[in-house]
Amino acid sequence: MQKFDGFKAGKYRHIKVPVPFFSDLLPLIDDLAELKVTLFCLWAMAQKDGAYRYLRDRDFLNRPELFESLRAAVPDMDPAETLGAALRRAVERGTLLRVEVVLDRSAEPLYFMNSASGRSAAESVEAGRWQPGDAHNPVEILPERPNVYQLYEANIGSITPMIADELKDAEAEFPGFWLEEAVRLAVEHNKRSWRYIRAILDRWEREGRDRGLTGRPAQQDGQKYISGKYATFIKNAADD
């Protein structure tokens, strides 16, 4: 048996281990390699930045101390095979969530902790709400957009049954970011009504939506949608 010399004097970084790990998860883990990989994940996730934290294969493969630990756990098996088996057990147990993305034209698994934020992140990736990031975080997970009902209530007002029907139709008819932008313009110009928002959406559909491509200041660009031949209708709609 190799002996441990103890923790040396000085200050160390600490990581948070959720209490349910000890009360709920630890009694279930019946494999030493799985336990070691689970503890490694708790430590490695804490080293990541951002709201959505995940591990890639390279995060495991580039850690020689983890491989030494796995070799000690299963001496008669290659540590890489032990790692793969331990990760599969952790996923099957529900400790980790595994989803695949395509990076550099090949599929790569991402591992999330099965927590509220991890589940949200994994669902976002599976729904396609991600884009390539930087070298440190190659997958940028996009925040889920609020649905049109939440968007309307938070910025415009309460929803009547008639408005609910209108919003449902608009959600099916227009891209989500159009709805967000139209609501933002309504708030900016203090024209908080569905008719005003709908008039903007209809004009974008007829004439094209070039906001963000023309290089004009936001105020000038927003003014475009309340001027011209439809200005009287839009202004009247806002006053209803």
Protein backbone atom coordinates (compact mmCIF):
# COMPACT_ATOMS: atom_id res chain seq x y z
CA MET A 1 0.00 0.00 0.00
CA GLN A 2 1.30 3.45 -0.93
CA LYS A 3 1.03 5.96 1.89
CA PHE A 4 -0.26 9.51 1.66
CA ASP A 5 1.91 12.14 3.34
CA GLY A 6 -1.00 14.36 4.24
CA PHE A 7 -2.07 17.78 3.04
CA LYS A 8 0.79 20.22 3.20
CA ALA A 9 0.50 23.52 5.02
CA GLY A 10 -0.97 26.41 3.07
CA LYS A 11 -4.19 27.46 1.46
CA TYR A 12 -5.95 25.30 -1.09
CA ARG A 13 -8.81 25.86 -3.44
CA HIS A 14 -11.94 24.07 -2.35
CA ILE A 15 -14.75 22.70 -4.45
CA LYS A 16 -18.38 22.33 -3.48
CA VAL A 17 -19.79 18.83 -3.33
CA PRO A 18 -23.59 18.75 -3.14
CA VAL A 19 -24.94 17.03 -0.05
CA PRO A 20 -27.07 14.61 -2.13
CA PHE A 21 -23.81 13.12 -3.39
CA PHE A 22 -23.21 11.68 0.06
CA SER A 23 -26.81 10.98 1.01
CA ASP A 24 -28.29 9.76 -2.27
CA LEU A 25 -25.63 8.95 -4.86
CA LEU A 26 -22.71 7.48 -2.91
CA PRO A 27 -24.76 4.55 -1.51
CA LEU A 28 -25.67 3.59 -5.09
CA ILE A 29 -22.18 3.53 -6.59
CA ASP A 30 -20.86 -0.04 -6.49
CA ASP A 31 -17.84 0.33 -8.76
CA LEU A 32 -14.55 1.90 -7.66
CA ALA A 33 -13.63 3.26 -11.11
CA GLU A 34 -17.07 4.83 -11.45
CA LEU A 35 -16.67 6.48 -8.05
CA LYS A 36 -13.27 7.88 -9.02
CA VAL A 37 -14.56 9.22 -12.34
CA THR A 38 -17.57 10.77 -10.59
CA LEU A 39 -15.33 12.55 -8.09
CA PHE A 40 -13.09 13.70 -10.94
CA CYS A 41 -16.12 15.15 -12.74
CA LEU A 42 -17.17 17.11 -9.64
CA TRP A 43 -13.67 18.58 -9.47
CA ALA A 44 -13.24 19.19 -13.21
CA MET A 45 -16.65 20.81 -13.69
CA ALA A 46 -15.72 23.34 -11.02
CA GLN A 47 -12.72 24.39 -13.13
CA LYS A 48 -14.91 25.33 -16.07
CA ASP A 49 -16.19 28.83 -16.78
CA GLY A 50 -19.62 29.97 -17.83
CA ALA A 51 -23.19 29.13 -16.98
CA TYR A 52 -23.11 25.80 -18.86
CA ARG A 53 -20.26 23.54 -17.82
CA TYR A 54 -19.37 20.33 -19.58
CA LEU A 55 -16.46 17.94 -20.06
CA ARG A 56 -15.09 16.51 -23.29
CA ASP A 57 -13.13 13.31 -23.85
CA ARG A 58 -9.90 15.31 -23.84
CA ASP A 59 -10.64 16.59 -20.34
CA PHE A 60 -10.36 13.00 -19.13
CA LEU A 61 -7.64 11.77 -21.46
CA ASN A 62 -5.22 14.59 -20.66
CA ARG A 63 -5.19 13.89 -16.91
CA PRO A 64 -2.38 11.42 -16.08
CA GLU A 65 -3.31 11.44 -12.38
CA LEU A 66 -6.79 10.21 -13.29
CA PHE A 67 -5.29 7.41 -15.39
CA GLU A 68 -3.00 6.40 -12.54
CA SER A 69 -6.02 6.31 -10.24
CA LEU A 70 -7.95 4.13 -12.68
CA ARG A 71 -4.97 1.82 -13.15
CA ALA A 72 -4.89 1.31 -9.39
CA ALA A 73 -8.63 0.60 -9.37
CA VAL A 74 -8.50 -1.99 -12.17
CA PRO A 75 -4.86 -3.14 -12.58
CA ASP A 76 -5.56 -5.75 -15.25
CA MET A 77 -7.29 -3.36 -17.68
CA ASP A 78 -6.04 -0.52 -19.84
CA PRO A 79 -6.94 2.77 -18.05
CA ALA A 80 -8.60 4.12 -21.20
CA GLU A 81 -10.93 1.13 -21.26
CA THR A 82 -11.60 1.53 -17.54
CA LEU A 83 -12.43 5.19 -18.14
CA GLY A 84 -14.85 4.34 -20.93
CA ALA A 85 -16.60 1.73 -18.80
CA ALA A 86 -16.79 4.08 -15.80
CA LEU A 87 -18.27 6.87 -17.90
CA ARG A 88 -20.88 4.49 -19.31
CA ARG A 89 -21.82 3.42 -15.79
CA ALA A 90 -22.08 7.04 -14.61
CA VAL A 91 -24.35 7.85 -17.57
CA GLU A 92 -26.50 4.76 -17.04
CA ARG A 93 -26.80 5.56 -13.34
CA GLY A 94 -27.91 9.09 -14.15
CA THR A 95 -24.98 10.92 -12.58
CA LEU A 96 -23.85 12.29 -15.94
CA LEU A 97 -25.73 13.31 -19.07
CA ARG A 98 -24.11 12.55 -22.43
CA VAL A 99 -24.98 14.35 -25.65
CA GLU A 100 -23.14 14.46 -28.96
CA VAL A 101 -22.22 17.42 -31.14
CA VAL A 102 -20.38 17.58 -34.45
CA LEU A 103 -17.04 19.38 -34.20
CA ASP A 104 -14.54 19.41 -37.05
CA ARG A 105 -16.86 17.11 -39.03
CA SER A 106 -16.81 14.38 -36.40
CA ALA A 107 -19.15 13.57 -33.52
CA GLU A 108 -17.88 14.28 -30.03
CA PRO A 109 -19.63 13.57 -26.72
CA LEU A 110 -20.17 16.23 -24.10
CA TYR A 111 -20.75 15.26 -20.47
CA PHE A 112 -22.94 17.35 -18.18
CA MET A 113 -23.68 16.81 -14.52
CA ASN A 114 -27.26 15.69 -13.99
CA SER A 115 -28.24 18.89 -12.19
CA ALA A 116 -30.84 21.52 -13.02
CA SER A 117 -28.34 23.57 -15.03
CA GLY A 118 -26.82 20.46 -16.60
CA ARG A 119 -30.22 19.18 -17.72
CA SER A 120 -31.06 22.59 -19.18
CA ALA A 121 -27.75 22.66 -21.05
CA ALA A 122 -28.10 19.10 -22.37
CA GLU A 123 -31.64 19.79 -23.56
CA SER A 124 -30.45 22.95 -25.32
CA VAL A 125 -27.72 21.03 -27.14
CA GLU A 126 -30.10 18.24 -28.14
CA ALA A 127 -32.54 20.87 -29.43
CA GLY A 128 -29.81 22.40 -31.59
CA ARG A 129 -29.44 25.60 -29.56
CA TRP A 130 -25.65 25.73 -29.73
CA GLN A 131 -22.92 27.05 -31.96
CA PRO A 132 -19.13 26.58 -32.23
CA GLY A 133 -17.25 28.51 -29.58
CA ASP A 134 -13.55 29.06 -28.90
CA ALA A 135 -10.71 26.63 -28.28
CA HIS A 136 -11.31 26.58 -24.53
CA ASN A 137 -15.07 26.09 -24.82
CA PRO A 138 -15.65 24.74 -28.35
CA VAL A 139 -19.42 24.58 -27.86
CA GLU A 140 -21.30 27.73 -27.00
CA ILE A 141 -24.73 26.87 -25.63
CA LEU A 142 -27.35 29.44 -26.53
CA PRO A 143 -29.82 30.46 -23.85
CA GLU A 144 -33.34 29.29 -24.44
CA ARG A 145 -35.47 32.11 -25.74
CA PRO A 146 -38.61 32.93 -23.79
CA ASN A 147 -41.77 31.81 -25.51
CA VAL A 148 -43.96 34.45 -27.06
CA TYR A 149 -46.47 34.41 -24.19
CA GLN A 150 -43.79 35.13 -21.57
CA LEU A 151 -42.29 37.77 -23.85
CA TYR A 152 -45.62 39.53 -24.27
CA GLU A 153 -46.61 39.44 -20.59
CA ALA A 154 -43.18 40.66 -19.44
CA ASN A 155 -43.09 43.62 -21.84
CA ILE A 156 -46.57 44.49 -23.09
CA GLY A 157 -49.30 43.39 -20.68
CA SER A 158 -51.77 40.69 -19.71
CA ILE A 159 -52.94 38.18 -22.30
CA THR A 160 -56.62 37.94 -23.23
CA PRO A 161 -57.98 34.85 -25.02
CA MET A 162 -58.04 36.81 -28.29
CA ILE A 163 -54.43 37.95 -27.86
CA ALA A 164 -53.42 34.38 -26.96
CA ASP A 165 -54.78 33.18 -30.30
CA GLU A 166 -52.94 35.98 -32.12
CA LEU A 167 -49.68 35.11 -30.36
CA LYS A 168 -50.05 31.44 -31.17
CA ASP A 169 -50.51 32.23 -34.85
CA ALA A 170 -47.57 34.66 -34.85
CA GLU A 171 -45.29 32.13 -33.19
CA ALA A 172 -46.00 29.68 -36.01
CA GLU A 173 -45.72 32.34 -38.71
CA PHE A 174 -42.60 34.35 -37.77
CA PRO A 175 -39.10 33.51 -36.49
CA GLY A 176 -38.64 33.89 -32.75
CA PHE A 177 -36.06 36.64 -33.05
CA TRP A 178 -38.48 38.70 -35.19
CA LEU A 179 -41.03 38.57 -32.38
CA GLU A 180 -38.41 39.58 -29.81
CA GLU A 181 -37.21 42.47 -31.94
CA ALA A 182 -40.74 43.71 -32.71
CA VAL A 183 -41.60 43.67 -29.01
CA ARG A 184 -38.39 45.54 -28.24
CA LEU A 185 -39.24 48.22 -30.79
CA ALA A 186 -42.72 48.57 -29.30
CA VAL A 187 -41.20 49.07 -25.85
CA GLU A 188 -38.56 51.50 -27.15
CA HIS A 189 -41.24 53.70 -28.73
CA ASN A 190 -43.67 53.27 -25.85
CA LYS A 191 -46.26 51.74 -28.18
CA ARG A 192 -47.20 48.73 -26.13
CA SER A 193 -49.94 47.06 -28.12
CA TRP A 194 -50.27 43.88 -30.12
CA ARG A 195 -51.55 45.77 -33.19
CA TYR A 196 -48.36 47.83 -33.25
CA ILE A 197 -46.20 44.71 -32.97
CA ARG A 198 -48.20 42.91 -35.63
CA ALA A 199 -47.90 45.88 -38.00
CA ILE A 200 -44.12 45.74 -37.70
CA LEU A 201 -44.09 41.99 -38.35
CA ASP A 202 -46.35 42.34 -41.37
CA ARG A 203 -44.16 45.06 -42.83
CA TRP A 204 -41.02 42.97 -42.33
CA GLU A 205 -42.73 40.11 -44.10
CA ARG A 206 -43.73 42.32 -47.06
CA GLU A 207 -40.59 44.40 -47.45
CA GLY A 208 -37.86 42.34 -45.82
CA ARG A 209 -36.19 42.74 -42.48
CA ASP A 210 -32.79 44.41 -42.91
CA ARG A 211 -32.22 45.52 -39.33
CA GLY A 212 -28.66 44.81 -38.32
CA LEU A 213 -27.45 44.66 -41.94
CA THR A 214 -27.69 48.32 -42.95
CA GLY A 215 -25.24 49.73 -40.45
CA ARG A 216 -27.66 52.41 -39.34
CA PRO A 217 -27.98 53.39 -35.69
CA ALA A 218 -30.66 51.43 -33.85
CA GLN A 219 -32.87 54.48 -33.29
CA GLN A 220 -32.86 55.42 -36.98
CA ASP A 221 -33.42 51.84 -38.03
CA GLY A 222 -36.28 51.42 -35.60
CA GLN A 223 -37.85 54.65 -36.82
CA LYS A 224 -38.09 53.11 -40.30
CA TYR A 225 -40.86 50.86 -39.08
CA ILE A 226 -43.04 53.70 -37.82
CA SER A 227 -42.57 55.98 -40.81
CA GLY A 228 -43.54 55.89 -44.47
CA LYS A 229 -46.91 54.95 -45.95
CA TYR A 230 -47.81 52.71 -42.97
CA ALA A 231 -46.92 55.25 -40.29
CA THR A 232 -50.49 56.47 -39.75
CA PHE A 233 -51.83 52.94 -39.40
CA ILE A 234 -49.08 51.92 -36.97
CA LYS A 235 -49.44 55.02 -34.83
CA ASN A 236 -53.21 54.62 -34.74
CA ALA A 237 -52.81 50.96 -33.87
CA ALA A 238 -50.60 51.89 -30.94
CA ASP A 239 -53.22 54.29 -29.62
CA ASP A 240 -56.06 51.71 -29.65
